[in-house]
């Protein structure tokens, strides 16, 4: 029981710390891909 209780906050901290960064990276990748597609279509 103690292991699960101590393990849960650690996992939550890692997920909350990694989650936003992963979302930001995905958003940046999507923005870059869309930008490159727009540049390709314009040129």
PDB file of N, CA and C in Angstrom:
ATOM      1  N   UNK A   1       0.840  -1.203   0.000  1.00  0.00           N
ATOM      2  CA  UNK A   1       0.000   0.000   0.000  1.00  0.00           C
ATOM      3  C   UNK A   1       0.875   1.254   0.000  1.00  0.00           C
ATOM      4  N   UNK A   2       1.948   1.216   0.795  1.00  0.00           N
ATOM      5  CA  UNK A   2       2.814   2.391   0.901  1.00  0.00           C
ATOM      6  C   UNK A   2       3.490   2.678  -0.445  1.00  0.00           C
ATOM      7  N   UNK A   3       3.829   1.596  -1.168  1.00  0.00           N
ATOM      8  CA  UNK A   3       4.510   1.796  -2.448  1.00  0.00           C
ATOM      9  C   UNK A   3       3.579   2.471  -3.461  1.00  0.00           C
ATOM     10  N   UNK A   4       2.326   2.018  -3.495  1.00  0.00           N
ATOM     11  CA  UNK A   4       1.387   2.617  -4.453  1.00  0.00           C
ATOM     12  C   UNK A   4       1.116   4.072  -4.071  1.00  0.00           C
ATOM     13  N   UNK A   5       0.992   4.343  -2.770  1.00  0.00           N
ATOM     14  CA  UNK A   5       0.716   5.722  -2.339  1.00  0.00           C
ATOM     15  C   UNK A   5       1.894   6.628  -2.676  1.00  0.00           C
ATOM     16  N   UNK A   6       3.106   6.145  -2.459  1.00  0.00           N
ATOM     17  CA  UNK A   6       4.283   6.968  -2.746  1.00  0.00           C
ATOM     18  C   UNK A   6       4.536   7.019  -4.250  1.00  0.00           C
ATOM     19  N   UNK A   7       4.114   5.988  -4.979  1.00  0.00           N
ATOM     20  CA  UNK A   7       4.344   5.941  -6.417  1.00  0.00           C
ATOM     21  C   UNK A   7       3.364   6.807  -7.182  1.00  0.00           C
ATOM     22  N   UNK A   8       2.157   6.956  -6.667  1.00  0.00           N
ATOM     23  CA  UNK A   8       1.147   7.726  -7.398  1.00  0.00           C
ATOM     24  C   UNK A   8       1.522   9.199  -7.551  1.00  0.00           C
ATOM     25  N   UNK A   9       1.927   9.877  -6.471  1.00  0.00           N
ATOM     26  CA  UNK A   9       2.282  11.295  -6.615  1.00  0.00           C
ATOM     27  C   UNK A   9       3.477  11.483  -7.555  1.00  0.00           C
ATOM     28  N   UNK A  10       4.407  10.550  -7.536  1.00  0.00           N
ATOM     29  CA  UNK A  10       5.582  10.659  -8.410  1.00  0.00           C
ATOM     30  C   UNK A  10       5.145  10.558  -9.857  1.00  0.00           C
ATOM     31  N   UNK A  11       4.254   9.600 -10.141  1.00  0.00           N
ATOM     32  CA  UNK A  11       3.778   9.446 -11.515  1.00  0.00           C
ATOM     33  C   UNK A  11       2.982  10.673 -11.930  1.00  0.00           C
ATOM     34  N   UNK A  12       2.160  11.198 -11.021  1.00  0.00           N
ATOM     35  CA  UNK A  12       1.369  12.380 -11.346  1.00  0.00           C
ATOM     36  C   UNK A  12       2.285  13.568 -11.614  1.00  0.00           C
ATOM     37  N   UNK A  13       3.327  13.703 -10.827  1.00  0.00           N
ATOM     38  CA  UNK A  13       4.257  14.824 -11.024  1.00  0.00           C
ATOM     39  C   UNK A  13       4.951  14.699 -12.377  1.00  0.00           C
ATOM     40  N   UNK A  14       5.366  13.474 -12.723  1.00  0.00           N
ATOM     41  CA  UNK A  14       6.064  13.281 -13.994  1.00  0.00           C
ATOM     42  C   UNK A  14       5.107  13.518 -15.155  1.00  0.00           C
ATOM     43  N   UNK A  15       3.868  13.037 -15.020  1.00  0.00           N
ATOM     44  CA  UNK A  15       2.908  13.213 -16.114  1.00  0.00           C
ATOM     45  C   UNK A  15       2.563  14.691 -16.264  1.00  0.00           C
ATOM     46  N   UNK A  16       2.367  15.389 -15.141  1.00  0.00           N
ATOM     47  CA  UNK A  16       2.023  16.815 -15.220  1.00  0.00           C
ATOM     48  C   UNK A  16       3.222  17.606 -15.747  1.00  0.00           C
ATOM     49  N   UNK A  17       4.436  17.135 -15.438  1.00  0.00           N
ATOM     50  CA  UNK A  17       5.631  17.854 -15.890  1.00  0.00           C
ATOM     51  C   UNK A  17       5.910  17.546 -17.359  1.00  0.00           C
ATOM     52  N   UNK A  18       5.658  16.303 -17.766  1.00  0.00           N
ATOM     53  CA  UNK A  18       5.956  15.894 -19.145  1.00  0.00           C
ATOM     54  C   UNK A  18       4.797  16.228 -20.067  1.00  0.00           C
ATOM     55  N   UNK A  19       3.576  16.128 -19.585  1.00  0.00           N
ATOM     56  CA  UNK A  19       2.387  16.355 -20.405  1.00  0.00           C
ATOM     57  C   UNK A  19       2.406  17.661 -21.172  1.00  0.00           C
ATOM     58  N   UNK A  20       2.539  18.802 -20.482  1.00  0.00           N
ATOM     59  CA  UNK A  20       2.537  20.103 -21.176  1.00  0.00           C
ATOM     60  C   UNK A  20       3.672  20.213 -22.187  1.00  0.00           C
ATOM     61  N   UNK A  21       4.849  19.739 -21.845  1.00  0.00           N
ATOM     62  CA  UNK A  21       5.988  19.844 -22.766  1.00  0.00           C
ATOM     63  C   UNK A  21       5.715  19.018 -24.017  1.00  0.00           C
ATOM     64  N   UNK A  22       5.129  17.839 -23.853  1.00  0.00           N
ATOM     65  CA  UNK A  22       4.806  16.995 -25.011  1.00  0.00           C
ATOM     66  C   UNK A  22       3.776  17.691 -25.884  1.00  0.00           C
ATOM     67  N   UNK A  23       2.764  18.303 -25.243  1.00  0.00           N
ATOM     68  CA  UNK A  23       1.739  19.016 -26.009  1.00  0.00           C
ATOM     69  C   UNK A  23       2.365  20.184 -26.770  1.00  0.00           C
ATOM     70  N   UNK A  24       3.278  20.921 -26.109  1.00  0.00           N
ATOM     71  CA  UNK A  24       3.939  22.066 -26.757  1.00  0.00           C
ATOM     72  C   UNK A  24       4.758  21.582 -27.950  1.00  0.00           C
ATOM     73  N   UNK A  25       5.492  20.483 -27.762  1.00  0.00           N
ATOM     74  CA  UNK A  25       6.316  19.947 -28.855  1.00  0.00           C
ATOM     75  C   UNK A  25       5.428  19.532 -30.022  1.00  0.00           C
ATOM     76  N   UNK A  26       4.303  18.869 -29.710  1.00  0.00           N
ATOM     77  CA  UNK A  26       3.384  18.449 -30.775  1.00  0.00           C
ATOM     78  C   UNK A  26       2.812  19.659 -31.497  1.00  0.00           C
ATOM     79  N   UNK A  27       2.438  20.692 -30.723  1.00  0.00           N
ATOM     80  CA  UNK A  27       1.888  21.907 -31.341  1.00  0.00           C
ATOM     81  C   UNK A  27       2.933  22.560 -32.243  1.00  0.00           C
ATOM     82  N   UNK A  28       4.173  22.601 -31.786  1.00  0.00           N
ATOM     83  CA  UNK A  28       5.240  23.203 -32.584  1.00  0.00           C
ATOM     84  C   UNK A  28       5.454  22.402 -33.863  1.00  0.00           C
ATOM     85  N   UNK A  29       5.455  21.074 -33.740  1.00  0.00           N
ATOM     86  CA  UNK A  29       5.653  20.235 -34.923  1.00  0.00           C
ATOM     87  C   UNK A  29       4.518  20.438 -35.913  1.00  0.00           C
ATOM     88  N   UNK A  30       3.291  20.502 -35.400  1.00  0.00           N
ATOM     89  CA  UNK A  30       2.130  20.716 -36.277  1.00  0.00           C
ATOM     90  C   UNK A  30       2.228  22.081 -36.944  1.00  0.00           C
ATOM     91  N   UNK A  31       2.607  23.102 -36.174  1.00  0.00           N
ATOM     92  CA  UNK A  31       2.716  24.452 -36.733  1.00  0.00           C
ATOM     93  C   UNK A  31       3.802  24.496 -37.808  1.00  0.00           C
ATOM     94  N   UNK A  32       4.925  23.863 -37.555  1.00  0.00           N
ATOM     95  CA  UNK A  32       6.024  23.861 -38.526  1.00  0.00           C
ATOM     96  C   UNK A  32       5.607  23.113 -39.787  1.00  0.00           C
ATOM     97  N   UNK A  33       4.937  21.973 -39.608  1.00  0.00           N
ATOM     98  CA  UNK A  33       4.512  21.193 -40.778  1.00  0.00           C
ATOM     99  C   UNK A  33       3.495  21.986 -41.587  1.00  0.00           C
ATOM    100  N   UNK A  34       2.549  22.634 -40.913  1.00  0.00           N
ATOM    101  CA  UNK A  34       1.547  23.440 -41.625  1.00  0.00           C
ATOM    102  C   UNK A  34       2.224  24.617 -42.326  1.00  0.00           C
ATOM    103  N   UNK A  35       3.172  25.236 -41.657  1.00  0.00           N
ATOM    104  CA  UNK A  35       3.887  26.367 -42.254  1.00  0.00           C
ATOM    105  C   UNK A  35       4.661  25.941 -43.487  1.00  0.00           C
ATOM    106  N   UNK A  36       5.301  24.778 -43.414  1.00  0.00           N
ATOM    107  CA  UNK A  36       6.071  24.301 -44.571  1.00  0.00           C
ATOM    108  C   UNK A  36       5.138  23.965 -45.725  1.00  0.00           C
ATOM    109  N   UNK A  37       3.977  23.396 -45.410  1.00  0.00           N
ATOM    110  CA  UNK A  37       2.998  23.069 -46.460  1.00  0.00           C
ATOM    111  C   UNK A  37       2.490  24.345 -47.112  1.00  0.00           C
ATOM    112  N   UNK A  38       2.210  25.359 -46.288  1.00  0.00           N
ATOM    113  CA  UNK A  38       1.733  26.629 -46.837  1.00  0.00           C
ATOM    114  C   UNK A  38       2.808  27.264 -47.719  1.00  0.00           C
ATOM    115  N   UNK A  39       4.056  27.219 -47.245  1.00  0.00           N
ATOM    116  CA  UNK A  39       5.151  27.784 -48.048  1.00  0.00           C
ATOM    117  C   UNK A  39       5.300  27.013 -49.356  1.00  0.00           C
ATOM    118  N   UNK A  40       5.144  25.701 -49.281  1.00  0.00           N
ATOM    119  CA  UNK A  40       5.284  24.874 -50.485  1.00  0.00           C
ATOM    120  C   UNK A  40       4.173  25.198 -51.477  1.00  0.00           C
ATOM    121  N   UNK A  41       2.960  25.399 -50.968  1.00  0.00           N
ATOM    122  CA  UNK A  41       1.840  25.685 -51.876  1.00  0.00           C
ATOM    123  C   UNK A  41       1.981  27.099 -52.446  1.00  0.00           C
ATOM    124  N   UNK A  42       2.449  28.048 -51.646  1.00  0.00           N
ATOM    125  CA  UNK A  42       2.602  29.424 -52.117  1.00  0.00           C
ATOM    126  C   UNK A  42       3.691  29.497 -53.186  1.00  0.00           C
ATOM    127  N   UNK A  43       4.795  28.818 -52.929  1.00  0.00           N
ATOM    128  CA  UNK A  43       5.899  28.847 -53.879  1.00  0.00           C
ATOM    129  C   UNK A  43       5.673  27.754 -54.915  1.00  0.00           C
TER     130      UNK A  43
END
